[in-house]
Amino acid sequence: MGVLRLEPNLLRITFSVEETLEIHVGIAEYRVARSPQCLLTLGLGSCVGVVLYDPVLRVGGLAHVMLPDSKQFRVGGKPAKFADLGVEFLARDLQRAGCSVGRMMAKLAGGAQMFFGNVRASQMAVGERNVEAVRSVLHEMRIPIVAEDVGGTTGRTISLDTTDGRLTVRTLGRAIRVI
């Protein structure tokens, strides 16, 4: 519940938020948030959740990346669909919010192998390719990966707490992890 406080003789209104606002990030989307907001994305199977966080400003971003490379597709209006574009767009918007690339740190979750049973599915390995593409872009941008929960065979739901940069990872059949 928010508290509105009017200060007499001042042209200032102060509004403090006592509850954390949760912002949903859909598939092939990205969002930027400030403390005390949380960013949440559901259903990371072969997709990768890419978190960038500036601990000084307590500003973070989350991208829900679906595919490793945009070069084979017409991009259209969702650059976060692709690792090669989504990470760069996310970092750019964090910089617009005042963050420094030199202070940014990354966390990754997702990239599971969701398709089984035939040679074509194992050749596709979309989750693994997504993780490698994200790692490559972050390496090029000199943004360190400080934690990750990737691979496996089950989907994940993640939430970023911008007050301290904690990433909570929920995976079916596993204990909740905070990285």
C-alpha atoms as a PDB file:
ATOM      1  CA  MET A   1       0.000   0.000   0.000  1.00  0.00           C
ATOM      2  CA  GLY A   2       1.415   3.394  -0.944  1.00  0.00           C
ATOM      3  CA  VAL A   3       1.556   6.317   1.450  1.00  0.00           C
ATOM      4  CA  LEU A   4       0.959   9.812   0.116  1.00  0.00           C
ATOM      5  CA  ARG A   5       2.529  12.588   2.163  1.00  0.00           C
ATOM      6  CA  LEU A   6       1.921  16.256   1.381  1.00  0.00           C
ATOM      7  CA  GLU A   7       4.562  18.585   2.757  1.00  0.00           C
ATOM      8  CA  PRO A   8       3.240  22.045   3.718  1.00  0.00           C
ATOM      9  CA  ASN A   9       4.813  25.104   2.125  1.00  0.00           C
ATOM     10  CA  LEU A  10       6.657  22.966  -0.419  1.00  0.00           C
ATOM     11  CA  LEU A  11       5.860  22.215  -4.003  1.00  0.00           C
ATOM     12  CA  ARG A  12       6.789  18.593  -3.480  1.00  0.00           C
ATOM     13  CA  ILE A  13       4.658  15.517  -3.035  1.00  0.00           C
ATOM     14  CA  THR A  14       6.376  12.417  -1.692  1.00  0.00           C
ATOM     15  CA  PHE A  15       4.979   8.980  -2.473  1.00  0.00           C
ATOM     16  CA  SER A  16       6.558   5.955  -0.852  1.00  0.00           C
ATOM     17  CA  VAL A  17       5.784   2.411  -1.901  1.00  0.00           C
ATOM     18  CA  GLU A  18       5.674  -0.182   0.851  1.00  0.00           C
ATOM     19  CA  GLU A  19       4.965  -3.116  -1.462  1.00  0.00           C
ATOM     20  CA  THR A  20       7.206  -4.362  -4.229  1.00  0.00           C
ATOM     21  CA  LEU A  21       5.768  -3.928  -7.690  1.00  0.00           C
ATOM     22  CA  GLU A  22       6.069  -7.037  -9.866  1.00  0.00           C
ATOM     23  CA  ILE A  23       6.538  -6.490 -13.600  1.00  0.00           C
ATOM     24  CA  HIS A  24       5.859  -9.393 -15.958  1.00  0.00           C
ATOM     25  CA  VAL A  25       8.247  -9.949 -18.889  1.00  0.00           C
ATOM     26  CA  GLY A  26       6.657 -11.952 -21.694  1.00  0.00           C
ATOM     27  CA  ILE A  27       8.278 -14.243 -24.236  1.00  0.00           C
ATOM     28  CA  ALA A  28      10.575 -12.299 -26.600  1.00  0.00           C
ATOM     29  CA  GLU A  29      10.313  -9.183 -24.419  1.00  0.00           C
ATOM     30  CA  TYR A  30      12.593  -7.273 -22.106  1.00  0.00           C
ATOM     31  CA  ARG A  31      12.007  -4.781 -19.322  1.00  0.00           C
ATOM     32  CA  VAL A  32      14.056  -2.503 -17.065  1.00  0.00           C
ATOM     33  CA  ALA A  33      13.117  -1.793 -13.431  1.00  0.00           C
ATOM     34  CA  ARG A  34      14.390   0.101 -10.379  1.00  0.00           C
ATOM     35  CA  SER A  35      14.422  -0.891  -6.737  1.00  0.00           C
ATOM     36  CA  PRO A  36      12.060  -1.966  -5.162  1.00  0.00           C
ATOM     37  CA  GLN A  37      10.484  -3.476  -8.280  1.00  0.00           C
ATOM     38  CA  CYS A  38      10.725  -7.151  -9.281  1.00  0.00           C
ATOM     39  CA  LEU A  39      10.898  -8.513 -12.806  1.00  0.00           C
ATOM     40  CA  LEU A  40       9.288 -11.907 -13.458  1.00  0.00           C
ATOM     41  CA  THR A  41       9.190 -14.226 -16.439  1.00  0.00           C
ATOM     42  CA  LEU A  42       7.388 -17.555 -16.682  1.00  0.00           C
ATOM     43  CA  GLY A  43       7.984 -20.687 -18.689  1.00  0.00           C
ATOM     44  CA  LEU A  44      11.663 -20.637 -19.578  1.00  0.00           C
ATOM     45  CA  GLY A  45      12.091 -23.943 -21.381  1.00  0.00           C
ATOM     46  CA  SER A  46      14.716 -23.732 -24.105  1.00  0.00           C
ATOM     47  CA  CYS A  47      14.444 -19.937 -23.780  1.00  0.00           C
ATOM     48  CA  VAL A  48      16.998 -18.087 -21.662  1.00  0.00           C
ATOM     49  CA  GLY A  49      16.251 -15.444 -19.077  1.00  0.00           C
ATOM     50  CA  VAL A  50      19.051 -12.882 -19.204  1.00  0.00           C
ATOM     51  CA  VAL A  51      19.395 -10.575 -16.206  1.00  0.00           C
ATOM     52  CA  LEU A  52      21.647  -7.507 -16.205  1.00  0.00           C
ATOM     53  CA  TYR A  53      22.003  -5.624 -12.932  1.00  0.00           C
ATOM     54  CA  ASP A  54      23.791  -2.488 -11.739  1.00  0.00           C
ATOM     55  CA  PRO A  55      24.307  -2.861  -7.954  1.00  0.00           C
ATOM     56  CA  VAL A  56      25.166   0.813  -7.415  1.00  0.00           C
ATOM     57  CA  LEU A  57      21.948   2.208  -8.903  1.00  0.00           C
ATOM     58  CA  ARG A  58      19.927  -0.923  -8.035  1.00  0.00           C
ATOM     59  CA  VAL A  59      18.542  -1.009 -11.551  1.00  0.00           C
ATOM     60  CA  GLY A  60      18.104  -4.258 -13.422  1.00  0.00           C
ATOM     61  CA  GLY A  61      16.731  -5.671 -16.597  1.00  0.00           C
ATOM     62  CA  LEU A  62      15.391  -9.001 -17.772  1.00  0.00           C
ATOM     63  CA  ALA A  63      15.166 -10.337 -21.323  1.00  0.00           C
ATOM     64  CA  HIS A  64      13.274 -13.523 -22.300  1.00  0.00           C
ATOM     65  CA  VAL A  65      15.356 -14.759 -25.256  1.00  0.00           C
ATOM     66  CA  MET A  66      13.886 -17.429 -27.581  1.00  0.00           C
ATOM     67  CA  LEU A  67      16.470 -17.955 -30.312  1.00  0.00           C
ATOM     68  CA  PRO A  68      20.252 -17.578 -30.607  1.00  0.00           C
ATOM     69  CA  ASP A  69      20.628 -15.609 -33.822  1.00  0.00           C
ATOM     70  CA  SER A  70      18.538 -13.055 -35.716  1.00  0.00           C
ATOM     71  CA  LYS A  71      20.450 -13.341 -38.992  1.00  0.00           C
ATOM     72  CA  GLN A  72      18.207 -16.093 -40.379  1.00  0.00           C
ATOM     73  CA  PHE A  73      14.944 -14.277 -39.603  1.00  0.00           C
ATOM     74  CA  ARG A  74      13.084 -11.069 -40.259  1.00  0.00           C
ATOM     75  CA  VAL A  75      13.358  -9.346 -36.891  1.00  0.00           C
ATOM     76  CA  GLY A  76      10.212  -7.241 -36.863  1.00  0.00           C
ATOM     77  CA  GLY A  77       9.304  -5.565 -33.589  1.00  0.00           C
ATOM     78  CA  LYS A  78      10.719  -7.972 -30.977  1.00  0.00           C
ATOM     79  CA  PRO A  79      14.522  -7.816 -30.841  1.00  0.00           C
ATOM     80  CA  ALA A  80      14.539  -9.579 -27.442  1.00  0.00           C
ATOM     81  CA  LYS A  81      13.437 -12.724 -29.271  1.00  0.00           C
ATOM     82  CA  PHE A  82      17.083 -13.180 -30.284  1.00  0.00           C
ATOM     83  CA  ALA A  83      20.189 -13.441 -28.087  1.00  0.00           C
ATOM     84  CA  ASP A  84      22.343 -11.362 -30.431  1.00  0.00           C
ATOM     85  CA  LEU A  85      19.902  -8.409 -30.350  1.00  0.00           C
ATOM     86  CA  GLY A  86      18.069  -8.797 -27.050  1.00  0.00           C
ATOM     87  CA  VAL A  87      21.129  -8.566 -24.799  1.00  0.00           C
ATOM     88  CA  GLU A  88      22.389  -5.461 -26.618  1.00  0.00           C
ATOM     89  CA  PHE A  89      18.972  -3.736 -26.477  1.00  0.00           C
ATOM     90  CA  LEU A  90      18.669  -4.549 -22.774  1.00  0.00           C
ATOM     91  CA  ALA A  91      22.142  -3.153 -22.016  1.00  0.00           C
ATOM     92  CA  ARG A  92      21.378  -0.034 -24.062  1.00  0.00           C
ATOM     93  CA  ASP A  93      18.181   0.656 -22.126  1.00  0.00           C
ATOM     94  CA  LEU A  94      19.985   0.115 -18.809  1.00  0.00           C
ATOM     95  CA  GLN A  95      22.554   2.679 -19.923  1.00  0.00           C
ATOM     96  CA  ARG A  96      19.713   5.089 -20.745  1.00  0.00           C
ATOM     97  CA  ALA A  97      18.557   4.566 -17.137  1.00  0.00           C
ATOM     98  CA  GLY A  98      21.996   5.702 -15.941  1.00  0.00           C
ATOM     99  CA  CYS A  99      23.721   2.347 -15.532  1.00  0.00           C
ATOM    100  CA  SER A 100      27.333   1.779 -16.468  1.00  0.00           C
ATOM    101  CA  VAL A 101      28.323  -1.261 -18.544  1.00  0.00           C
ATOM    102  CA  GLY A 102      31.412  -1.473 -16.313  1.00  0.00           C
ATOM    103  CA  ARG A 103      29.189  -2.067 -13.272  1.00  0.00           C
ATOM    104  CA  MET A 104      26.725  -4.439 -14.930  1.00  0.00           C
ATOM    105  CA  MET A 105      26.705  -8.078 -13.963  1.00  0.00           C
ATOM    106  CA  ALA A 106      24.766 -10.868 -15.630  1.00  0.00           C
ATOM    107  CA  LYS A 107      22.814 -13.878 -14.432  1.00  0.00           C
ATOM    108  CA  LEU A 108      21.319 -16.534 -16.713  1.00  0.00           C
ATOM    109  CA  ALA A 109      18.596 -19.140 -16.304  1.00  0.00           C
ATOM    110  CA  GLY A 110      16.890 -21.523 -18.716  1.00  0.00           C
ATOM    111  CA  GLY A 111      18.245 -23.129 -21.847  1.00  0.00           C
ATOM    112  CA  ALA A 112      16.767 -26.561 -21.139  1.00  0.00           C
ATOM    113  CA  GLN A 113      16.616 -29.392 -23.655  1.00  0.00           C
ATOM    114  CA  MET A 114      12.863 -29.642 -24.145  1.00  0.00           C
ATOM    115  CA  PHE A 115      12.659 -31.853 -27.233  1.00  0.00           C
ATOM    116  CA  PHE A 116      13.562 -35.547 -27.176  1.00  0.00           C
ATOM    117  CA  GLY A 117      13.261 -38.738 -29.138  1.00  0.00           C
ATOM    118  CA  ASN A 118      14.899 -38.207 -32.478  1.00  0.00           C
ATOM    119  CA  VAL A 119      18.168 -37.172 -34.078  1.00  0.00           C
ATOM    120  CA  ARG A 120      16.710 -33.887 -35.355  1.00  0.00           C
ATOM    121  CA  ALA A 121      15.730 -32.809 -31.812  1.00  0.00           C
ATOM    122  CA  SER A 122      19.231 -33.446 -30.488  1.00  0.00           C
ATOM    123  CA  GLN A 123      20.750 -31.619 -33.465  1.00  0.00           C
ATOM    124  CA  MET A 124      18.556 -28.589 -32.812  1.00  0.00           C
ATOM    125  CA  ALA A 125      19.562 -28.261 -29.123  1.00  0.00           C
ATOM    126  CA  VAL A 126      17.968 -24.806 -29.092  1.00  0.00           C
ATOM    127  CA  GLY A 127      18.416 -24.341 -25.338  1.00  0.00           C
ATOM    128  CA  GLU A 128      22.136 -25.050 -25.450  1.00  0.00           C
ATOM    129  CA  ARG A 129      22.574 -22.821 -28.505  1.00  0.00           C
ATOM    130  CA  ASN A 130      20.665 -20.010 -26.760  1.00  0.00           C
ATOM    131  CA  VAL A 131      22.915 -20.221 -23.696  1.00  0.00           C
ATOM    132  CA  GLU A 132      26.087 -20.183 -25.807  1.00  0.00           C
ATOM    133  CA  ALA A 133      24.836 -17.225 -27.875  1.00  0.00           C
ATOM    134  CA  VAL A 134      24.015 -15.204 -24.744  1.00  0.00           C
ATOM    135  CA  ARG A 135      27.394 -16.039 -23.201  1.00  0.00           C
ATOM    136  CA  SER A 136      29.131 -14.932 -26.397  1.00  0.00           C
ATOM    137  CA  VAL A 137      27.333 -11.568 -26.555  1.00  0.00           C
ATOM    138  CA  LEU A 138      28.029 -10.894 -22.868  1.00  0.00           C
ATOM    139  CA  HIS A 139      31.700 -11.777 -23.370  1.00  0.00           C
ATOM    140  CA  GLU A 140      31.927  -9.354 -26.316  1.00  0.00           C
ATOM    141  CA  MET A 141      30.319  -6.633 -24.197  1.00  0.00           C
ATOM    142  CA  ARG A 142      32.669  -7.420 -21.270  1.00  0.00           C
ATOM    143  CA  ILE A 143      29.760  -8.021 -18.901  1.00  0.00           C
ATOM    144  CA  PRO A 144      30.656 -10.784 -16.423  1.00  0.00           C
ATOM    145  CA  ILE A 145      28.289 -13.669 -15.757  1.00  0.00           C
ATOM    146  CA  VAL A 146      28.210 -13.985 -11.972  1.00  0.00           C
ATOM    147  CA  ALA A 147      25.669 -16.824 -11.691  1.00  0.00           C
ATOM    148  CA  GLU A 148      23.657 -19.168 -13.852  1.00  0.00           C
ATOM    149  CA  ASP A 149      21.137 -22.004 -13.649  1.00  0.00           C
ATOM    150  CA  VAL A 150      21.038 -23.408 -17.175  1.00  0.00           C
ATOM    151  CA  GLY A 151      20.512 -26.679 -19.037  1.00  0.00           C
ATOM    152  CA  GLY A 152      18.647 -29.702 -17.779  1.00  0.00           C
ATOM    153  CA  THR A 153      15.303 -30.916 -19.063  1.00  0.00           C
ATOM    154  CA  THR A 154      12.716 -28.861 -17.183  1.00  0.00           C
ATOM    155  CA  GLY A 155      11.409 -25.341 -17.491  1.00  0.00           C
ATOM    156  CA  ARG A 156      11.951 -22.517 -15.028  1.00  0.00           C
ATOM    157  CA  THR A 157      10.269 -19.389 -13.727  1.00  0.00           C
ATOM    158  CA  ILE A 158      12.541 -16.587 -12.551  1.00  0.00           C
ATOM    159  CA  SER A 159      12.189 -13.310 -10.695  1.00  0.00           C
ATOM    160  CA  LEU A 160      14.731 -10.547 -10.195  1.00  0.00           C
ATOM    161  CA  ASP A 161      14.607  -8.494  -6.997  1.00  0.00           C
ATOM    162  CA  THR A 162      16.128  -5.127  -7.914  1.00  0.00           C
ATOM    163  CA  THR A 163      16.730  -4.166  -4.279  1.00  0.00           C
ATOM    164  CA  ASP A 164      19.718  -6.526  -4.115  1.00  0.00           C
ATOM    165  CA  GLY A 165      20.052  -8.310  -7.472  1.00  0.00           C
ATOM    166  CA  ARG A 166      18.875 -11.703  -6.198  1.00  0.00           C
ATOM    167  CA  LEU A 167      17.504 -13.970  -8.904  1.00  0.00           C
ATOM    168  CA  THR A 168      15.012 -16.551  -7.649  1.00  0.00           C
ATOM    169  CA  VAL A 169      14.750 -19.656  -9.843  1.00  0.00           C
ATOM    170  CA  ARG A 170      11.773 -21.986  -9.533  1.00  0.00           C
ATOM    171  CA  THR A 171      12.036 -25.339 -11.296  1.00  0.00           C
ATOM    172  CA  LEU A 172       9.454 -28.112 -11.171  1.00  0.00           C
ATOM    173  CA  GLY A 173      10.635 -30.928  -8.907  1.00  0.00           C
ATOM    174  CA  ARG A 174      13.587 -28.966  -7.451  1.00  0.00           C
ATOM    175  CA  ALA A 175      14.069 -26.726  -4.467  1.00  0.00           C
ATOM    176  CA  ILE A 176      13.843 -22.987  -5.105  1.00  0.00           C
ATOM    177  CA  ARG A 177      17.280 -21.563  -5.832  1.00  0.00           C
ATOM    178  CA  VAL A 178      18.432 -18.002  -5.250  1.00  0.00           C
ATOM    179  CA  ILE A 179      21.460 -16.994  -7.300  1.00  0.00           C
END
